[in-house]
PDB file of N, CA and C in Angstrom:
ATOM      1  N   MET A   1     104.856  99.418 117.408  1.00  0.00           N
ATOM      2  CA  MET A   1     105.124 100.609 116.644  1.00  0.00           C
ATOM      3  C   MET A   1     104.978 100.268 115.166  1.00  0.00           C
ATOM      4  N   LEU A   2     104.406 101.192 114.408  1.00  0.00           N
ATOM      5  CA  LEU A   2     104.253 101.008 112.970  1.00  0.00           C
ATOM      6  C   LEU A   2     105.410 101.640 112.211  1.00  0.00           C
ATOM      7  N   PHE A   3     105.710 101.053 111.053  1.00  0.00           N
ATOM      8  CA  PHE A   3     106.785 101.534 110.186  1.00  0.00           C
ATOM      9  C   PHE A   3     106.295 101.493 108.755  1.00  0.00           C
ATOM     10  N   ILE A   4     106.823 102.393 107.941  1.00  0.00           N
ATOM     11  CA  ILE A   4     106.570 102.363 106.513  1.00  0.00           C
ATOM     12  C   ILE A   4     107.887 102.044 105.820  1.00  0.00           C
ATOM     13  N   ALA A   5     107.822 101.111 104.884  1.00  0.00           N
ATOM     14  CA  ALA A   5     108.983 100.746 104.075  1.00  0.00           C
ATOM     15  C   ALA A   5     108.652 101.048 102.618  1.00  0.00           C
ATOM     16  N   TYR A   6     109.527 101.800 101.984  1.00  0.00           N
ATOM     17  CA  TYR A   6     109.359 102.221 100.599  1.00  0.00           C
ATOM     18  C   TYR A   6     110.560 101.689  99.839  1.00  0.00           C
ATOM     19  N   CYS A   7     110.360 100.643  99.056  1.00  0.00           N
ATOM     20  CA  CYS A   7     111.454  99.932  98.399  1.00  0.00           C
ATOM     21  C   CYS A   7     111.402 100.206  96.900  1.00  0.00           C
ATOM     22  N   THR A   8     112.515 100.658  96.338  1.00  0.00           N
ATOM     23  CA  THR A   8     112.602 101.014  94.931  1.00  0.00           C
ATOM     24  C   THR A   8     113.337  99.925  94.157  1.00  0.00           C
ATOM     25  N   ASP A   9     112.681  99.400  93.120  1.00  0.00           N
ATOM     26  CA  ASP A   9     113.309  98.373  92.295  1.00  0.00           C
ATOM     27  C   ASP A   9     114.512  98.934  91.534  1.00  0.00           C
ATOM     28  N   ASP A  10     115.490  98.083  91.301  1.00  0.00           N
ATOM     29  CA  ASP A  10     116.634  98.417  90.461  1.00  0.00           C
ATOM     30  C   ASP A  10     116.173  98.335  89.009  1.00  0.00           C
ATOM     31  N   PRO A  11     116.200  99.447  88.258  1.00  0.00           N
ATOM     32  CA  PRO A  11     115.712  99.418  86.874  1.00  0.00           C
ATOM     33  C   PRO A  11     116.572  98.543  85.956  1.00  0.00           C
ATOM     34  N   GLN A  12     117.754  98.163  86.409  1.00  0.00           N
ATOM     35  CA  GLN A  12     118.623  97.289  85.627  1.00  0.00           C
ATOM     36  C   GLN A  12     118.224  95.820  85.748  1.00  0.00           C
ATOM     37  N   LYS A  13     117.213  95.533  86.576  1.00  0.00           N
ATOM     38  CA  LYS A  13     116.778  94.153  86.824  1.00  0.00           C
ATOM     39  C   LYS A  13     115.273  94.012  86.588  1.00  0.00           C
ATOM     40  N   PRO A  14     114.808  94.298  85.371  1.00  0.00           N
ATOM     41  CA  PRO A  14     113.365  94.334  85.131  1.00  0.00           C
ATOM     42  C   PRO A  14     112.649  92.996  85.289  1.00  0.00           C
ATOM     43  N   ASP A  15     113.315  91.880  85.098  1.00  0.00           N
ATOM     44  CA  ASP A  15     112.652  90.575  85.176  1.00  0.00           C
ATOM     45  C   ASP A  15     112.719  89.951  86.562  1.00  0.00           C
ATOM     46  N   LEU A  16     113.558  90.491  87.430  1.00  0.00           N
ATOM     47  CA  LEU A  16     113.783  89.873  88.735  1.00  0.00           C
ATOM     48  C   LEU A  16     112.529  89.869  89.610  1.00  0.00           C
ATOM     49  N   ARG A  17     111.719  90.901  89.531  1.00  0.00           N
ATOM     50  CA  ARG A  17     110.488  90.970  90.341  1.00  0.00           C
ATOM     51  C   ARG A  17     109.570  89.785  90.025  1.00  0.00           C
ATOM     52  N   MET A  18     109.313  89.528  88.755  1.00  0.00           N
ATOM     53  CA  MET A  18     108.401  88.439  88.395  1.00  0.00           C
ATOM     54  C   MET A  18     109.020  87.074  88.704  1.00  0.00           C
ATOM     55  N   GLN A  19     110.322  86.950  88.572  1.00  0.00           N
ATOM     56  CA  GLN A  19     110.988  85.683  88.862  1.00  0.00           C
ATOM     57  C   GLN A  19     110.889  85.319  90.342  1.00  0.00           C
ATOM     58  N   THR A  20     110.952  86.312  91.202  1.00  0.00           N
ATOM     59  CA  THR A  20     110.955  86.059  92.642  1.00  0.00           C
ATOM     60  C   THR A  20     109.592  86.307  93.297  1.00  0.00           C
ATOM     61  N   ARG A  21     108.609  86.695  92.519  1.00  0.00           N
ATOM     62  CA  ARG A  21     107.299  87.032  93.076  1.00  0.00           C
ATOM     63  C   ARG A  21     106.658  85.888  93.856  1.00  0.00           C
ATOM     64  N   PRO A  22     106.648  84.646  93.370  1.00  0.00           N
ATOM     65  CA  PRO A  22     106.012  83.577  94.159  1.00  0.00           C
ATOM     66  C   PRO A  22     106.610  83.441  95.565  1.00  0.00           C
ATOM     67  N   ALA A  23     107.920  83.492  95.681  1.00  0.00           N
ATOM     68  CA  ALA A  23     108.558  83.405  97.006  1.00  0.00           C
ATOM     69  C   ALA A  23     108.217  84.629  97.850  1.00  0.00           C
ATOM     70  N   HIS A  24     108.161  85.800  97.227  1.00  0.00           N
ATOM     71  CA  HIS A  24     107.814  87.035  97.938  1.00  0.00           C
ATOM     72  C   HIS A  24     106.390  86.952  98.489  1.00  0.00           C
ATOM     73  N   VAL A  25     105.431  86.500  97.678  1.00  0.00           N
ATOM     74  CA  VAL A  25     104.042  86.384  98.122  1.00  0.00           C
ATOM     75  C   VAL A  25     103.934  85.379  99.270  1.00  0.00           C
ATOM     76  N   ASP A  26     104.655  84.275  99.181  1.00  0.00           N
ATOM     77  CA  ASP A  26     104.672  83.306 100.288  1.00  0.00           C
ATOM     78  C   ASP A  26     105.201  83.955 101.561  1.00  0.00           C
ATOM     79  N   TRP A  27     106.242  84.779 101.434  1.00  0.00           N
ATOM     80  CA  TRP A  27     106.837  85.488 102.575  1.00  0.00           C
ATOM     81  C   TRP A  27     105.825  86.460 103.180  1.00  0.00           C
ATOM     82  N   LEU A  28     105.106  87.185 102.316  1.00  0.00           N
ATOM     83  CA  LEU A  28     104.075  88.106 102.806  1.00  0.00           C
ATOM     84  C   LEU A  28     103.034  87.358 103.622  1.00  0.00           C
ATOM     85  N   LYS A  29     102.536  86.267 103.085  1.00  0.00           N
ATOM     86  CA  LYS A  29     101.497  85.489 103.766  1.00  0.00           C
ATOM     87  C   LYS A  29     102.006  84.906 105.083  1.00  0.00           C
ATOM     88  N   ALA A  30     103.236  84.424 105.085  1.00  0.00           N
ATOM     89  CA  ALA A  30     103.800  83.811 106.292  1.00  0.00           C
ATOM     90  C   ALA A  30     104.052  84.831 107.395  1.00  0.00           C
ATOM     91  N   ASN A  31     104.120  86.103 107.031  1.00  0.00           N
ATOM     92  CA  ASN A  31     104.442  87.155 107.992  1.00  0.00           C
ATOM     93  C   ASN A  31     103.315  88.172 108.150  1.00  0.00           C
ATOM     94  N   ALA A  32     102.083  87.713 108.001  1.00  0.00           N
ATOM     95  CA  ALA A  32     100.924  88.611 108.071  1.00  0.00           C
ATOM     96  C   ALA A  32     100.787  89.314 109.416  1.00  0.00           C
ATOM     97  N   ALA A  33     101.325  88.752 110.477  1.00  0.00           N
ATOM     98  CA  ALA A  33     101.247  89.407 111.785  1.00  0.00           C
ATOM     99  C   ALA A  33     102.103  90.668 111.829  1.00  0.00           C
ATOM    100  N   THR A  34     103.160  90.705 111.055  1.00  0.00           N
ATOM    101  CA  THR A  34     104.072  91.857 111.012  1.00  0.00           C
ATOM    102  C   THR A  34     103.719  92.806 109.879  1.00  0.00           C
ATOM    103  N   ILE A  35     103.312  92.255 108.746  1.00  0.00           N
ATOM    104  CA  ILE A  35     103.017  93.049 107.547  1.00  0.00           C
ATOM    105  C   ILE A  35     101.534  93.399 107.547  1.00  0.00           C
ATOM    106  N   LYS A  36     101.229  94.653 107.805  1.00  0.00           N
ATOM    107  CA  LYS A  36      99.841  95.101 107.910  1.00  0.00           C
ATOM    108  C   LYS A  36      99.243  95.439 106.552  1.00  0.00           C
ATOM    109  N   VAL A  37     100.045  96.029 105.673  1.00  0.00           N
ATOM    110  CA  VAL A  37      99.623  96.410 104.328  1.00  0.00           C
ATOM    111  C   VAL A  37     100.834  96.259 103.427  1.00  0.00           C
ATOM    112  N   ALA A  38     100.627  95.751 102.214  1.00  0.00           N
ATOM    113  CA  ALA A  38     101.737  95.624 101.275  1.00  0.00           C
ATOM    114  C   ALA A  38     101.211  95.634  99.848  1.00  0.00           C
ATOM    115  N   GLY A  39     102.015  96.172  98.964  1.00  0.00           N
ATOM    116  CA  GLY A  39     101.676  96.151  97.548  1.00  0.00           C
ATOM    117  C   GLY A  39     102.716  96.899  96.746  1.00  0.00           C
ATOM    118  N   PRO A  40     102.709  96.679  95.441  1.00  0.00           N
ATOM    119  CA  PRO A  40     103.674  97.366  94.588  1.00  0.00           C
ATOM    120  C   PRO A  40     103.230  98.789  94.289  1.00  0.00           C
ATOM    121  N   TRP A  41     104.208  99.664  94.088  1.00  0.00           N
ATOM    122  CA  TRP A  41     103.873 100.958  93.508  1.00  0.00           C
ATOM    123  C   TRP A  41     104.287 100.889  92.048  1.00  0.00           C
ATOM    124  N   MET A  42     103.616 101.663  91.226  1.00  0.00           N
ATOM    125  CA  MET A  42     103.606 101.436  89.788  1.00  0.00           C
ATOM    126  C   MET A  42     104.147 102.625  88.990  1.00  0.00           C
ATOM    127  N   THR A  43     104.451 102.352  87.709  1.00  0.00           N
ATOM    128  CA  THR A  43     104.788 103.422  86.776  1.00  0.00           C
ATOM    129  C   THR A  43     103.583 104.355  86.671  1.00  0.00           C
ATOM    130  N   ASP A  44     103.806 105.543  86.155  1.00  0.00           N
ATOM    131  CA  ASP A  44     102.735 106.546  86.071  1.00  0.00           C
ATOM    132  C   ASP A  44     101.518 106.061  85.301  1.00  0.00           C
ATOM    133  N   ASP A  45     101.707 105.171  84.344  1.00  0.00           N
ATOM    134  CA  ASP A  45     100.570 104.657  83.578  1.00  0.00           C
ATOM    135  C   ASP A  45      99.877 103.486  84.285  1.00  0.00           C
ATOM    136  N   GLY A  46     100.397 103.080  85.443  1.00  0.00           N
ATOM    137  CA  GLY A  46      99.801 102.006  86.223  1.00  0.00           C
ATOM    138  C   GLY A  46     100.014 100.622  85.629  1.00  0.00           C
ATOM    139  N   GLU A  47     100.927 100.494  84.698  1.00  0.00           N
ATOM    140  CA  GLU A  47     101.121  99.238  83.973  1.00  0.00           C
ATOM    141  C   GLU A  47     102.188  98.318  84.555  1.00  0.00           C
ATOM    142  N   ARG A  48     103.197  98.881  85.219  1.00  0.00           N
ATOM    143  CA  ARG A  48     104.327  98.046  85.627  1.00  0.00           C
ATOM    144  C   ARG A  48     104.757  98.395  87.043  1.00  0.00           C
ATOM    145  N   PRO A  49     104.952  97.368  87.905  1.00  0.00           N
ATOM    146  CA  PRO A  49     105.442  97.631  89.254  1.00  0.00           C
ATOM    147  C   PRO A  49     106.907  98.059  89.218  1.00  0.00           C
ATOM    148  N   ILE A  50     107.226  99.052  90.057  1.00  0.00           N
ATOM    149  CA  ILE A  50     108.611  99.546  90.111  1.00  0.00           C
ATOM    150  C   ILE A  50     109.117  99.672  91.546  1.00  0.00           C
ATOM    151  N   GLY A  51     108.366  99.110  92.467  1.00  0.00           N
ATOM    152  CA  GLY A  51     108.785  99.156  93.861  1.00  0.00           C
ATOM    153  C   GLY A  51     107.719  98.549  94.747  1.00  0.00           C
ATOM    154  N   SER A  52     107.998  98.538  96.031  1.00  0.00           N
ATOM    155  CA  SER A  52     107.070  97.971  97.008  1.00  0.00           C
ATOM    156  C   SER A  52     106.852  98.954  98.145  1.00  0.00           C
ATOM    157  N   LEU A  53     105.638  98.960  98.674  1.00  0.00           N
ATOM    158  CA  LEU A  53     105.290  99.757  99.838  1.00  0.00           C
ATOM    159  C   LEU A  53     104.717  98.810 100.879  1.00  0.00           C
ATOM    160  N   LEU A  54     105.276  98.868 102.083  1.00  0.00           N
ATOM    161  CA  LEU A  54     104.797  98.009 103.169  1.00  0.00           C
ATOM    162  C   LEU A  54     104.578  98.844 104.415  1.00  0.00           C
ATOM    163  N   ILE A  55     103.527  98.527 105.143  1.00  0.00           N
ATOM    164  CA  ILE A  55     103.336  99.060 106.482  1.00  0.00           C
ATOM    165  C   ILE A  55     103.519  97.882 107.423  1.00  0.00           C
ATOM    166  N   LEU A  56     104.443  98.039 108.351  1.00  0.00           N
ATOM    167  CA  LEU A  56     104.876  96.968 109.235  1.00  0.00           C
ATOM    168  C   LEU A  56     104.623  97.330 110.685  1.00  0.00           C
ATOM    169  N   GLU A  57     104.517  96.309 111.519  1.00  0.00           N
ATOM    170  CA  GLU A  57     104.441  96.528 112.955  1.00  0.00           C
ATOM    171  C   GLU A  57     105.566  95.745 113.609  1.00  0.00           C
ATOM    172  N   GLY A  58     106.346  96.445 114.434  1.00  0.00           N
ATOM    173  CA  GLY A  58     107.464  95.792 115.101  1.00  0.00           C
ATOM    174  C   GLY A  58     107.999  96.618 116.244  1.00  0.00           C
ATOM    175  N   GLU A  59     109.057  96.113 116.846  1.00  0.00           N
ATOM    176  CA  GLU A  59     109.637  96.715 118.053  1.00  0.00           C
ATOM    177  C   GLU A  59     110.399  98.008 117.788  1.00  0.00           C
ATOM    178  N   ASN A  60     111.286  97.976 116.764  1.00  0.00           N
ATOM    179  CA  ASN A  60     112.149  99.136 116.514  1.00  0.00           C
ATOM    180  C   ASN A  60     112.692  99.081 115.096  1.00  0.00           C
ATOM    181  N   VAL A  61     113.362 100.147 114.697  1.00  0.00           N
ATOM    182  CA  VAL A  61     113.881 100.258 113.328  1.00  0.00           C
ATOM    183  C   VAL A  61     114.863  99.135 113.020  1.00  0.00           C
ATOM    184  N   ASP A  62     115.749  98.813 113.945  1.00  0.00           N
ATOM    185  CA  ASP A  62     116.735  97.754 113.693  1.00  0.00           C
ATOM    186  C   ASP A  62     116.057  96.414 113.443  1.00  0.00           C
ATOM    187  N   ALA A  63     115.048  96.095 114.227  1.00  0.00           N
ATOM    188  CA  ALA A  63     114.323  94.837 114.039  1.00  0.00           C
ATOM    189  C   ALA A  63     113.614  94.813 112.688  1.00  0.00           C
ATOM    190  N   MET A  64     113.059  95.941 112.274  1.00  0.00           N
ATOM    191  CA  MET A  64     112.357  95.996 110.999  1.00  0.00           C
ATOM    192  C   MET A  64     113.333  95.930 109.823  1.00  0.00           C
ATOM    193  N   ARG A  65     114.511  96.532 109.966  1.00  0.00           N
ATOM    194  CA  ARG A  65     115.534  96.410 108.907  1.00  0.00           C
ATOM    195  C   ARG A  65     115.934  94.949 108.740  1.00  0.00           C
ATOM    196  N   ALA A  66     116.154  94.266 109.846  1.00  0.00           N
ATOM    197  CA  ALA A  66     116.520  92.853 109.794  1.00  0.00           C
ATOM    198  C   ALA A  66     115.387  92.039 109.169  1.00  0.00           C
ATOM    199  N   PHE A  67     114.156  92.356 109.537  1.00  0.00           N
ATOM    200  CA  PHE A  67     113.004  91.657 108.978  1.00  0.00           C
ATOM    201  C   PHE A  67     112.918  91.865 107.466  1.00  0.00           C
ATOM    202  N   LEU A  68     113.038  93.104 107.008  1.00  0.00           N
ATOM    203  CA  LEU A  68     112.959  93.394 105.573  1.00  0.00           C
ATOM    204  C   LEU A  68     114.050  92.681 104.785  1.00  0.00           C
ATOM    205  N   ALA A  69     115.178  92.453 105.393  1.00  0.00           N
ATOM    206  CA  ALA A  69     116.282  91.758 104.722  1.00  0.00           C
ATOM    207  C   ALA A  69     115.916  90.313 104.392  1.00  0.00           C
ATOM    208  N   THR A  70     114.881  89.769 105.038  1.00  0.00           N
ATOM    209  CA  THR A  70     114.463  88.394 104.769  1.00  0.00           C
ATOM    210  C   THR A  70     113.451  88.292 103.625  1.00  0.00           C
ATOM    211  N   ASP A  71     113.021  89.414 103.099  1.00  0.00           N
ATOM    212  CA  ASP A  71     112.111  89.427 101.952  1.00  0.00           C
ATOM    213  C   ASP A  71     112.852  88.824 100.750  1.00  0.00           C
ATOM    214  N   PRO A  72     112.269  87.852 100.072  1.00  0.00           N
ATOM    215  CA  PRO A  72     112.937  87.282  98.898  1.00  0.00           C
ATOM    216  C   PRO A  72     113.318  88.320  97.841  1.00  0.00           C
ATOM    217  N   TYR A  73     112.547  89.389  97.719  1.00  0.00           N
ATOM    218  CA  TYR A  73     112.943  90.452  96.796  1.00  0.00           C
ATOM    219  C   TYR A  73     114.273  91.067  97.231  1.00  0.00           C
ATOM    220  N   ALA A  74     114.407  91.351  98.520  1.00  0.00           N
ATOM    221  CA  ALA A  74     115.656  91.925  99.037  1.00  0.00           C
ATOM    222  C   ALA A  74     116.797  90.930  98.904  1.00  0.00           C
ATOM    223  N   GLU A  75     116.542  89.678  99.242  1.00  0.00           N
ATOM    224  CA  GLU A  75     117.590  88.656  99.148  1.00  0.00           C
ATOM    225  C   GLU A  75     118.083  88.474  97.717  1.00  0.00           C
ATOM    226  N   ALA A  76     117.194  88.656  96.739  1.00  0.00           N
ATOM    227  CA  ALA A  76     117.565  88.505  95.332  1.00  0.00           C
ATOM    228  C   ALA A  76     118.264  89.738  94.772  1.00  0.00           C
ATOM    229  N   GLY A  77     118.252  90.853  95.539  1.00  0.00           N
ATOM    230  CA  GLY A  77     118.898  92.079  95.070  1.00  0.00           C
ATOM    231  C   GLY A  77     118.012  92.932  94.175  1.00  0.00           C
ATOM    232  N   LEU A  78     116.687  92.788  94.295  1.00  0.00           N
ATOM    233  CA  LEU A  78     115.772  93.567  93.468  1.00  0.00           C
ATOM    234  C   LEU A  78     115.810  95.053  93.790  1.00  0.00           C
ATOM    235  N   PHE A  79     115.929  95.391  95.069  1.00  0.00           N
ATOM    236  CA  PHE A  79     115.801  96.794  95.459  1.00  0.00           C
ATOM    237  C   PHE A  79     117.121  97.542  95.342  1.00  0.00           C
ATOM    238  N   MET A  80     117.059  98.727  94.720  1.00  0.00           N
ATOM    239  CA  MET A  80     118.249  99.579  94.683  1.00  0.00           C
ATOM    240  C   MET A  80     118.265 100.516  95.886  1.00  0.00           C
ATOM    241  N   ALA A  81     117.115 100.677  96.532  1.00  0.00           N
ATOM    242  CA  ALA A  81     117.028 101.521  97.728  1.00  0.00           C
ATOM    243  C   ALA A  81     115.812 101.115  98.547  1.00  0.00           C
ATOM    244  N   THR A  82     115.957 101.236  99.867  1.00  0.00           N
ATOM    245  CA  THR A  82     114.840 100.994 100.773  1.00  0.00           C
ATOM    246  C   THR A  82     114.852 102.072 101.842  1.00  0.00           C
ATOM    247  N   ALA A  83     113.735 102.785 101.952  1.00  0.00           N
ATOM    248  CA  ALA A  83     113.562 103.773 103.021  1.00  0.00           C
ATOM    249  C   ALA A  83     112.654 103.144 104.071  1.00  0.00           C
ATOM    250  N   LEU A  84     113.030 103.274 105.330  1.00  0.00           N
ATOM    251  CA  LEU A  84     112.248 102.724 106.435  1.00  0.00           C
ATOM    252  C   LEU A  84     112.133 103.789 107.507  1.00  0.00           C
ATOM    253  N   HIS A  85     110.894 104.084 107.914  1.00  0.00           N
ATOM    254  CA  HIS A  85     110.670 105.131 108.908  1.00  0.00           C
ATOM    255  C   HIS A  85     109.525 104.737 109.842  1.00  0.00           C
ATOM    256  N   PRO A  86     109.616 105.115 111.106  1.00  0.00           N
ATOM    257  CA  PRO A  86     108.455 104.973 111.985  1.00  0.00           C
ATOM    258  C   PRO A  86     107.293 105.765 111.376  1.00  0.00           C
ATOM    259  N   TRP A  87     106.097 105.262 111.601  1.00  0.00           N
ATOM    260  CA  TRP A  87     104.918 105.864 110.983  1.00  0.00           C
ATOM    261  C   TRP A  87     103.784 105.887 111.988  1.00  0.00           C
ATOM    262  N   ARG A  88     103.049 106.970 112.019  1.00  0.00           N
ATOM    263  CA  ARG A  88     101.917 107.106 112.937  1.00  0.00           C
ATOM    264  C   ARG A  88     100.613 107.127 112.148  1.00  0.00           C
ATOM    265  N   TRP A  89      99.729 106.191 112.473  1.00  0.00           N
ATOM    266  CA  TRP A  89      98.407 106.125 111.853  1.00  0.00           C
ATOM    267  C   TRP A  89      97.559 107.258 112.401  1.00  0.00           C
ATOM    268  N   VAL A  90      97.010 108.099 111.517  1.00  0.00           N
ATOM    269  CA  VAL A  90      96.206 109.231 111.956  1.00  0.00           C
ATOM    270  C   VAL A  90      94.765 109.114 111.491  1.00  0.00           C
ATOM    271  N   ILE A  91      94.554 108.735 110.261  1.00  0.00           N
ATOM    272  CA  ILE A  91      93.195 108.718 109.713  1.00  0.00           C
ATOM    273  C   ILE A  91      93.061 107.531 108.765  1.00  0.00           C
ATOM    274  N   GLY A  92      91.848 107.014 108.639  1.00  0.00           N
ATOM    275  CA  GLY A  92      91.599 105.883 107.747  1.00  0.00           C
ATOM    276  C   GLY A  92      91.036 104.713 108.540  1.00  0.00           C
ATOM    277  N   ALA A  93      91.551 103.534 108.267  1.00  0.00           N
ATOM    278  CA  ALA A  93      91.069 102.312 108.923  1.00  0.00           C
ATOM    279  C   ALA A  93      91.338 102.378 110.427  1.00  0.00           C
ATOM    280  N   PRO A  94      90.693 101.524 111.193  1.00  0.00           N
ATOM    281  CA  PRO A  94      90.862 101.543 112.656  1.00  0.00           C
ATOM    282  C   PRO A  94      92.312 101.338 113.098  1.00  0.00           C
ATOM    283  N   GLU A  95      92.629 101.854 114.259  1.00  0.00           N
ATOM    284  CA  GLU A  95      93.981 101.738 114.817  1.00  0.00           C
ATOM    285  C   GLU A  95      94.352 100.315 115.180  1.00  0.00           C
ATOM    286  N   THR A  96      93.433  99.390 115.097  1.00  0.00           N
ATOM    287  CA  THR A  96      93.712  98.010 115.474  1.00  0.00           C
ATOM    288  C   THR A  96      94.568  97.275 114.466  1.00  0.00           C
ATOM    289  N   VAL A  97      94.921  97.913 113.389  1.00  0.00           N
ATOM    290  CA  VAL A  97      95.752  97.280 112.354  1.00  0.00           C
ATOM    291  C   VAL A  97      97.082  96.862 112.918  1.00  0.00           C
TER     292      VAL A  97
END
């Protein structure tokens, strides 16, 4: 089952994203089987990341919540909110993702 995770950075912690980015990127690479798509979402001018968007594949919502908790960004307290929902691929790249 696919899931979408929409994580919003805490605006009170502007430097935390860059400080923890190397560990986060390592985590993304180590979990490529689960993380199908990932990247930051940006300010309106496209200059600064203010959150993360991930498309994940896993068993259920509880398993994906536990998985997201292992993200170094989450462990460091970067996110002020995380929305996680089952997601159905309808159009775009092949369903084999």
